Amino acid sequence: MSEVKRQNVSSGSPFEPRLGISRAVRAGRFIAVSGTAPLDAAGRTVAPGDAAAQARRCLEIIAVALQQAGASLSHVVRTRTLLTHIEDWEAVGAVHGEYFRDIRPANTIMQVVRFIDPDWLVEIEADAVTEG
């Protein structure tokens, strides 16, 4: 039996080596993108207080990670949306729909108590499968 080829994708975050994590991992045709927070290139929280804008930033980061792993948003089969205020589900869902309207991955929306940074209102995860 042969080993599955593995590719770790880094966002450059200093937390990745400290915590032993990757932004995304590709194993064969499968790509898992870690919980993605709404951060800018300098590591600052984007749009405090605006869950929809934060969701947009999370999905932008996910798209880049997928591209680095040789995939795109069209390969996404599952997303998970984590919110600190479940009341934000419609605004965040509308942003999700902008990116995935025609792709329509399976999705779970859930409320969490909080994230590492209390200004984060949303994190999004994604799983993708490529053709080859």
N, C-alpha and C. Protein backbone atom coordinates (compact mmCIF):
# COMPACT_ATOMS: atom_id res chain seq x y z
N MET A 1 0.84 -1.17 0.00
CA MET A 1 0.00 0.00 0.00
C MET A 1 0.89 1.24 0.00
N SER A 2 0.61 2.19 -0.87
CA SER A 2 1.44 3.39 -0.96
C SER A 2 0.95 4.46 0.00
N GLU A 3 1.89 5.32 0.40
CA GLU A 3 1.55 6.44 1.27
C GLU A 3 0.86 7.54 0.48
N VAL A 4 -0.05 8.24 1.13
CA VAL A 4 -0.73 9.37 0.52
C VAL A 4 0.22 10.56 0.57
N LYS A 5 0.37 11.23 -0.55
CA LYS A 5 1.20 12.42 -0.60
C LYS A 5 0.55 13.51 0.23
N ARG A 6 1.34 14.19 1.07
CA ARG A 6 0.84 15.21 1.98
C ARG A 6 1.54 16.54 1.69
N GLN A 7 0.75 17.62 1.70
CA GLN A 7 1.27 18.96 1.52
C GLN A 7 0.69 19.85 2.61
N ASN A 8 1.55 20.48 3.41
CA ASN A 8 1.10 21.45 4.41
C ASN A 8 1.17 22.83 3.80
N VAL A 9 0.13 23.63 3.98
CA VAL A 9 0.07 25.00 3.48
C VAL A 9 0.14 25.93 4.68
N SER A 10 1.07 26.88 4.62
CA SER A 10 1.25 27.83 5.72
C SER A 10 0.74 29.20 5.32
N SER A 11 0.17 29.91 6.29
CA SER A 11 -0.22 31.30 6.05
C SER A 11 0.88 32.25 6.53
N GLY A 12 1.91 31.68 7.17
CA GLY A 12 2.97 32.50 7.73
C GLY A 12 2.71 32.91 9.17
N SER A 13 1.61 32.47 9.74
CA SER A 13 1.28 32.81 11.12
C SER A 13 2.33 32.25 12.08
N PRO A 14 2.76 33.05 13.06
CA PRO A 14 3.71 32.54 14.05
C PRO A 14 3.09 31.45 14.92
N PHE A 15 1.78 31.34 14.94
CA PHE A 15 1.12 30.32 15.75
C PHE A 15 1.25 28.93 15.14
N GLU A 16 1.45 28.85 13.83
CA GLU A 16 1.49 27.54 13.17
C GLU A 16 2.59 26.64 13.74
N PRO A 17 3.86 27.08 13.76
CA PRO A 17 4.88 26.19 14.34
C PRO A 17 4.73 26.02 15.85
N ARG A 18 4.28 27.06 16.55
CA ARG A 18 4.11 26.97 18.00
C ARG A 18 3.06 25.95 18.39
N LEU A 19 1.97 25.92 17.63
CA LEU A 19 0.86 25.03 17.96
C LEU A 19 0.89 23.72 17.18
N GLY A 20 1.80 23.64 16.21
CA GLY A 20 1.88 22.42 15.40
C GLY A 20 0.69 22.28 14.45
N ILE A 21 0.32 23.38 13.79
CA ILE A 21 -0.83 23.37 12.88
C ILE A 21 -0.44 23.95 11.53
N SER A 22 -1.30 23.77 10.56
CA SER A 22 -1.14 24.35 9.23
C SER A 22 -2.42 25.10 8.88
N ARG A 23 -2.32 26.10 8.00
CA ARG A 23 -3.52 26.77 7.50
C ARG A 23 -4.39 25.77 6.78
N ALA A 24 -3.73 24.91 5.99
CA ALA A 24 -4.45 23.86 5.27
C ALA A 24 -3.53 22.66 5.11
N VAL A 25 -4.13 21.50 4.91
CA VAL A 25 -3.38 20.28 4.64
C VAL A 25 -4.05 19.58 3.46
N ARG A 26 -3.21 19.24 2.48
CA ARG A 26 -3.70 18.44 1.36
C ARG A 26 -3.14 17.04 1.54
N ALA A 27 -4.01 16.05 1.49
CA ALA A 27 -3.62 14.64 1.54
C ALA A 27 -4.30 13.96 0.36
N GLY A 28 -3.51 13.70 -0.68
CA GLY A 28 -4.10 13.16 -1.90
C GLY A 28 -5.04 14.17 -2.52
N ARG A 29 -6.28 13.79 -2.72
CA ARG A 29 -7.29 14.67 -3.32
C ARG A 29 -8.02 15.52 -2.30
N PHE A 30 -7.83 15.23 -1.00
CA PHE A 30 -8.58 15.89 0.08
C PHE A 30 -7.79 17.07 0.64
N ILE A 31 -8.46 18.20 0.86
CA ILE A 31 -7.84 19.38 1.45
C ILE A 31 -8.71 19.84 2.61
N ALA A 32 -8.10 20.00 3.78
CA ALA A 32 -8.79 20.53 4.96
C ALA A 32 -8.19 21.89 5.28
N VAL A 33 -9.05 22.89 5.40
CA VAL A 33 -8.61 24.24 5.76
C VAL A 33 -9.03 24.48 7.20
N SER A 34 -8.07 24.85 8.03
CA SER A 34 -8.31 25.09 9.46
C SER A 34 -9.31 26.21 9.68
N GLY A 35 -9.83 26.26 10.90
CA GLY A 35 -10.66 27.38 11.31
C GLY A 35 -9.95 28.68 10.98
N THR A 36 -10.60 29.53 10.21
CA THR A 36 -9.97 30.71 9.64
C THR A 36 -10.59 31.96 10.25
N ALA A 37 -9.74 32.74 10.89
CA ALA A 37 -10.18 33.96 11.58
C ALA A 37 -10.05 35.17 10.65
N PRO A 38 -10.77 36.24 10.95
CA PRO A 38 -10.79 37.44 10.11
C PRO A 38 -9.61 38.36 10.36
N LEU A 39 -8.45 37.98 9.85
CA LEU A 39 -7.23 38.75 10.10
C LEU A 39 -6.70 39.38 8.82
N ASP A 40 -6.07 40.54 8.96
CA ASP A 40 -5.40 41.15 7.81
C ASP A 40 -3.98 40.61 7.73
N ALA A 41 -3.20 41.07 6.76
CA ALA A 41 -1.84 40.57 6.54
C ALA A 41 -0.92 40.82 7.73
N ALA A 42 -1.24 41.83 8.54
CA ALA A 42 -0.41 42.14 9.72
C ALA A 42 -0.89 41.40 10.97
N GLY A 43 -1.93 40.56 10.84
CA GLY A 43 -2.43 39.81 11.97
C GLY A 43 -3.44 40.55 12.82
N ARG A 44 -3.94 41.67 12.32
CA ARG A 44 -4.95 42.44 13.06
C ARG A 44 -6.36 41.99 12.65
N THR A 45 -7.27 42.07 13.60
CA THR A 45 -8.67 41.72 13.33
C THR A 45 -9.28 42.71 12.34
N VAL A 46 -9.95 42.18 11.34
CA VAL A 46 -10.63 42.97 10.32
C VAL A 46 -12.06 43.26 10.80
N ALA A 47 -12.54 44.46 10.60
CA ALA A 47 -13.94 44.85 10.79
C ALA A 47 -14.53 44.45 12.14
N PRO A 48 -13.93 44.88 13.25
CA PRO A 48 -14.54 44.56 14.55
C PRO A 48 -16.01 44.98 14.58
N GLY A 49 -16.85 44.09 15.07
CA GLY A 49 -18.27 44.39 15.18
C GLY A 49 -19.09 44.09 13.94
N ASP A 50 -18.47 43.70 12.83
CA ASP A 50 -19.17 43.44 11.57
C ASP A 50 -18.96 41.99 11.14
N ALA A 51 -19.88 41.11 11.54
CA ALA A 51 -19.74 39.68 11.26
C ALA A 51 -19.69 39.37 9.77
N ALA A 52 -20.47 40.09 8.96
CA ALA A 52 -20.48 39.83 7.51
C ALA A 52 -19.13 40.17 6.90
N ALA A 53 -18.56 41.30 7.25
CA ALA A 53 -17.24 41.68 6.72
C ALA A 53 -16.17 40.71 7.20
N GLN A 54 -16.29 40.25 8.43
CA GLN A 54 -15.33 39.26 8.94
C GLN A 54 -15.46 37.95 8.18
N ALA A 55 -16.68 37.53 7.89
CA ALA A 55 -16.88 36.29 7.11
C ALA A 55 -16.26 36.42 5.73
N ARG A 56 -16.43 37.58 5.11
CA ARG A 56 -15.85 37.81 3.79
C ARG A 56 -14.33 37.64 3.85
N ARG A 57 -13.70 38.21 4.88
CA ARG A 57 -12.25 38.09 5.03
C ARG A 57 -11.84 36.63 5.25
N CYS A 58 -12.58 35.91 6.07
CA CYS A 58 -12.29 34.49 6.29
C CYS A 58 -12.32 33.72 4.96
N LEU A 59 -13.32 33.98 4.15
CA LEU A 59 -13.44 33.27 2.88
C LEU A 59 -12.36 33.68 1.88
N GLU A 60 -11.92 34.92 1.94
CA GLU A 60 -10.78 35.33 1.11
C GLU A 60 -9.53 34.55 1.48
N ILE A 61 -9.28 34.39 2.78
CA ILE A 61 -8.11 33.65 3.26
C ILE A 61 -8.22 32.18 2.85
N ILE A 62 -9.41 31.62 2.99
CA ILE A 62 -9.63 30.22 2.60
C ILE A 62 -9.36 30.02 1.11
N ALA A 63 -9.82 30.95 0.28
CA ALA A 63 -9.59 30.85 -1.17
C ALA A 63 -8.11 30.83 -1.49
N VAL A 64 -7.33 31.64 -0.82
CA VAL A 64 -5.87 31.67 -1.04
C VAL A 64 -5.24 30.35 -0.60
N ALA A 65 -5.64 29.85 0.56
CA ALA A 65 -5.09 28.57 1.05
C ALA A 65 -5.41 27.44 0.08
N LEU A 66 -6.63 27.42 -0.43
CA LEU A 66 -6.99 26.38 -1.40
C LEU A 66 -6.15 26.50 -2.67
N GLN A 67 -5.96 27.72 -3.13
CA GLN A 67 -5.14 27.94 -4.32
C GLN A 67 -3.72 27.43 -4.09
N GLN A 68 -3.15 27.70 -2.93
CA GLN A 68 -1.81 27.21 -2.62
C GLN A 68 -1.75 25.69 -2.57
N ALA A 69 -2.88 25.06 -2.29
CA ALA A 69 -2.95 23.59 -2.24
C ALA A 69 -3.37 23.00 -3.58
N GLY A 70 -3.52 23.84 -4.61
CA GLY A 70 -3.86 23.34 -5.94
C GLY A 70 -5.35 23.17 -6.17
N ALA A 71 -6.17 23.93 -5.46
CA ALA A 71 -7.62 23.81 -5.60
C ALA A 71 -8.24 25.20 -5.65
N SER A 72 -9.56 25.23 -5.63
CA SER A 72 -10.29 26.50 -5.61
C SER A 72 -11.56 26.31 -4.80
N LEU A 73 -12.30 27.40 -4.64
CA LEU A 73 -13.57 27.31 -3.91
C LEU A 73 -14.52 26.32 -4.57
N SER A 74 -14.40 26.11 -5.87
CA SER A 74 -15.29 25.18 -6.57
C SER A 74 -15.09 23.73 -6.11
N HIS A 75 -13.98 23.45 -5.44
CA HIS A 75 -13.70 22.10 -4.94
C HIS A 75 -14.24 21.88 -3.52
N VAL A 76 -14.77 22.91 -2.89
CA VAL A 76 -15.22 22.81 -1.50
C VAL A 76 -16.49 21.96 -1.42
N VAL A 77 -16.46 20.97 -0.52
CA VAL A 77 -17.61 20.08 -0.33
C VAL A 77 -18.27 20.29 1.03
N ARG A 78 -17.57 20.94 1.97
CA ARG A 78 -18.12 21.17 3.30
C ARG A 78 -17.52 22.42 3.90
N THR A 79 -18.36 23.22 4.55
CA THR A 79 -17.89 24.36 5.33
C THR A 79 -18.51 24.27 6.72
N ARG A 80 -17.82 24.86 7.67
CA ARG A 80 -18.34 24.99 9.03
C ARG A 80 -18.20 26.44 9.42
N THR A 81 -19.28 27.03 9.87
CA THR A 81 -19.31 28.42 10.25
C THR A 81 -19.53 28.50 11.76
N LEU A 82 -18.59 29.10 12.44
CA LEU A 82 -18.66 29.24 13.89
C LEU A 82 -18.89 30.71 14.22
N LEU A 83 -19.90 30.98 15.03
CA LEU A 83 -20.28 32.35 15.37
C LEU A 83 -20.31 32.53 16.88
N THR A 84 -19.94 33.71 17.35
CA THR A 84 -20.09 33.99 18.78
C THR A 84 -21.50 34.49 19.10
N HIS A 85 -22.20 34.99 18.08
CA HIS A 85 -23.59 35.46 18.24
C HIS A 85 -24.41 34.79 17.15
N ILE A 86 -25.23 33.83 17.52
CA ILE A 86 -25.99 33.08 16.53
C ILE A 86 -26.91 34.00 15.72
N GLU A 87 -27.25 35.16 16.27
CA GLU A 87 -28.08 36.12 15.56
C GLU A 87 -27.43 36.62 14.27
N ASP A 88 -26.12 36.43 14.13
CA ASP A 88 -25.40 36.85 12.92
C ASP A 88 -25.52 35.85 11.78
N TRP A 89 -26.25 34.75 11.99
CA TRP A 89 -26.24 33.68 11.00
C TRP A 89 -26.73 34.13 9.62
N GLU A 90 -27.73 34.99 9.57
CA GLU A 90 -28.25 35.40 8.26
C GLU A 90 -27.27 36.30 7.51
N ALA A 91 -26.66 37.25 8.21
CA ALA A 91 -25.69 38.15 7.56
C ALA A 91 -24.48 37.37 7.08
N VAL A 92 -23.99 36.47 7.91
CA VAL A 92 -22.84 35.65 7.53
C VAL A 92 -23.24 34.65 6.44
N GLY A 93 -24.44 34.10 6.56
CA GLY A 93 -24.93 33.18 5.54
C GLY A 93 -25.05 33.84 4.17
N ALA A 94 -25.44 35.10 4.15
CA ALA A 94 -25.53 35.82 2.88
C ALA A 94 -24.16 35.94 2.22
N VAL A 95 -23.13 36.19 3.01
CA VAL A 95 -21.77 36.26 2.47
C VAL A 95 -21.35 34.88 1.97
N HIS A 96 -21.63 33.84 2.75
CA HIS A 96 -21.34 32.47 2.33
C HIS A 96 -22.00 32.21 0.97
N GLY A 97 -23.23 32.68 0.82
CA GLY A 97 -23.95 32.50 -0.44
C GLY A 97 -23.30 33.22 -1.61
N GLU A 98 -22.69 34.38 -1.36
CA GLU A 98 -21.98 35.09 -2.43
C GLU A 98 -20.86 34.23 -3.00
N TYR A 99 -20.16 33.51 -2.13
CA TYR A 99 -19.02 32.70 -2.55
C TYR A 99 -19.44 31.31 -3.04
N PHE A 100 -20.52 30.76 -2.49
CA PHE A 100 -20.85 29.36 -2.74
C PHE A 100 -22.23 29.14 -3.35
N ARG A 101 -22.86 30.18 -3.88
CA ARG A 101 -24.23 30.07 -4.41
C ARG A 101 -24.37 28.91 -5.40
N ASP A 102 -23.41 28.77 -6.31
CA ASP A 102 -23.50 27.72 -7.33
C ASP A 102 -22.78 26.43 -6.92
N ILE A 103 -21.94 26.49 -5.90
CA ILE A 103 -21.17 25.33 -5.47
C ILE A 103 -21.97 24.51 -4.46
N ARG A 104 -22.59 25.20 -3.53
CA ARG A 104 -23.50 24.64 -2.53
C ARG A 104 -22.91 23.49 -1.71
N PRO A 105 -21.81 23.74 -0.98
CA PRO A 105 -21.27 22.69 -0.13
C PRO A 105 -22.19 22.41 1.06
N ALA A 106 -22.00 21.26 1.67
CA ALA A 106 -22.67 20.98 2.94
C ALA A 106 -22.14 22.01 3.94
N ASN A 107 -22.98 22.44 4.88
CA ASN A 107 -22.57 23.48 5.82
C ASN A 107 -23.21 23.25 7.17
N THR A 108 -22.46 23.59 8.21
CA THR A 108 -22.97 23.60 9.57
C THR A 108 -22.70 24.97 10.14
N ILE A 109 -23.71 25.56 10.78
CA ILE A 109 -23.54 26.84 11.47
C ILE A 109 -23.76 26.55 12.95
N MET A 110 -22.81 27.01 13.77
CA MET A 110 -22.96 26.79 15.21
C MET A 110 -22.44 27.98 15.99
N GLN A 111 -22.95 28.12 17.19
CA GLN A 111 -22.50 29.18 18.08
C GLN A 111 -21.45 28.62 19.02
N VAL A 112 -20.42 29.41 19.26
CA VAL A 112 -19.38 29.07 20.23
C VAL A 112 -19.35 30.16 21.30
N VAL A 113 -18.73 29.87 22.41
CA VAL A 113 -18.69 30.84 23.50
C VAL A 113 -17.82 32.03 23.14
N ARG A 114 -16.62 31.76 22.60
CA ARG A 114 -15.73 32.83 22.16
C ARG A 114 -14.56 32.24 21.41
N PHE A 115 -13.78 33.12 20.79
CA PHE A 115 -12.56 32.74 20.08
C PHE A 115 -11.36 33.27 20.86
N ILE A 116 -10.17 32.99 20.37
CA ILE A 116 -8.94 33.46 21.01
C ILE A 116 -8.96 34.97 21.19
N ASP A 117 -9.40 35.67 20.15
CA ASP A 117 -9.51 37.13 20.21
C ASP A 117 -11.00 37.47 20.36
N PRO A 118 -11.38 38.19 21.41
CA PRO A 118 -12.80 38.48 21.61
C PRO A 118 -13.41 39.37 20.52
N ASP A 119 -12.60 40.01 19.66
CA ASP A 119 -13.13 40.80 18.55
C ASP A 119 -13.57 39.94 17.37
N TRP A 120 -13.15 38.68 17.34
CA TRP A 120 -13.57 37.79 16.26
C TRP A 120 -15.02 37.39 16.50
N LEU A 121 -15.84 37.57 15.52
CA LEU A 121 -17.25 37.17 15.59
C LEU A 121 -17.50 35.88 14.83
N VAL A 122 -16.58 35.51 13.95
CA VAL A 122 -16.78 34.35 13.08
C VAL A 122 -15.43 33.70 12.76
N GLU A 123 -15.47 32.39 12.63
CA GLU A 123 -14.39 31.60 12.02
C GLU A 123 -15.07 30.65 11.06
N ILE A 124 -14.36 30.33 9.98
CA ILE A 124 -14.91 29.40 8.98
C ILE A 124 -13.87 28.35 8.66
N GLU A 125 -14.31 27.10 8.54
CA GLU A 125 -13.47 25.98 8.11
C GLU A 125 -13.99 25.52 6.75
N ALA A 126 -13.14 24.85 5.99
CA ALA A 126 -13.58 24.30 4.70
C ALA A 126 -12.85 23.00 4.40
N ASP A 127 -13.55 22.09 3.78
CA ASP A 127 -12.98 20.84 3.26
C ASP A 127 -13.24 20.80 1.77
N ALA A 128 -12.24 20.37 1.02
CA ALA A 128 -12.36 20.31 -0.44
C ALA A 128 -11.83 18.99 -0.95
N VAL A 129 -12.33 18.60 -2.11
CA VAL A 129 -11.86 17.39 -2.80
C VAL A 129 -11.61 17.77 -4.25
N THR A 130 -10.39 17.45 -4.73
CA THR A 130 -10.05 17.75 -6.11
C THR A 130 -10.27 16.53 -7.00
N GLU A 131 -10.18 16.76 -8.30
CA GLU A 131 -10.37 15.66 -9.25
C GLU A 131 -9.19 14.72 -9.30
N GLY A 132 -8.00 15.24 -9.02
CA GLY A 132 -6.85 14.35 -9.18
C GLY A 132 -5.65 14.74 -8.43
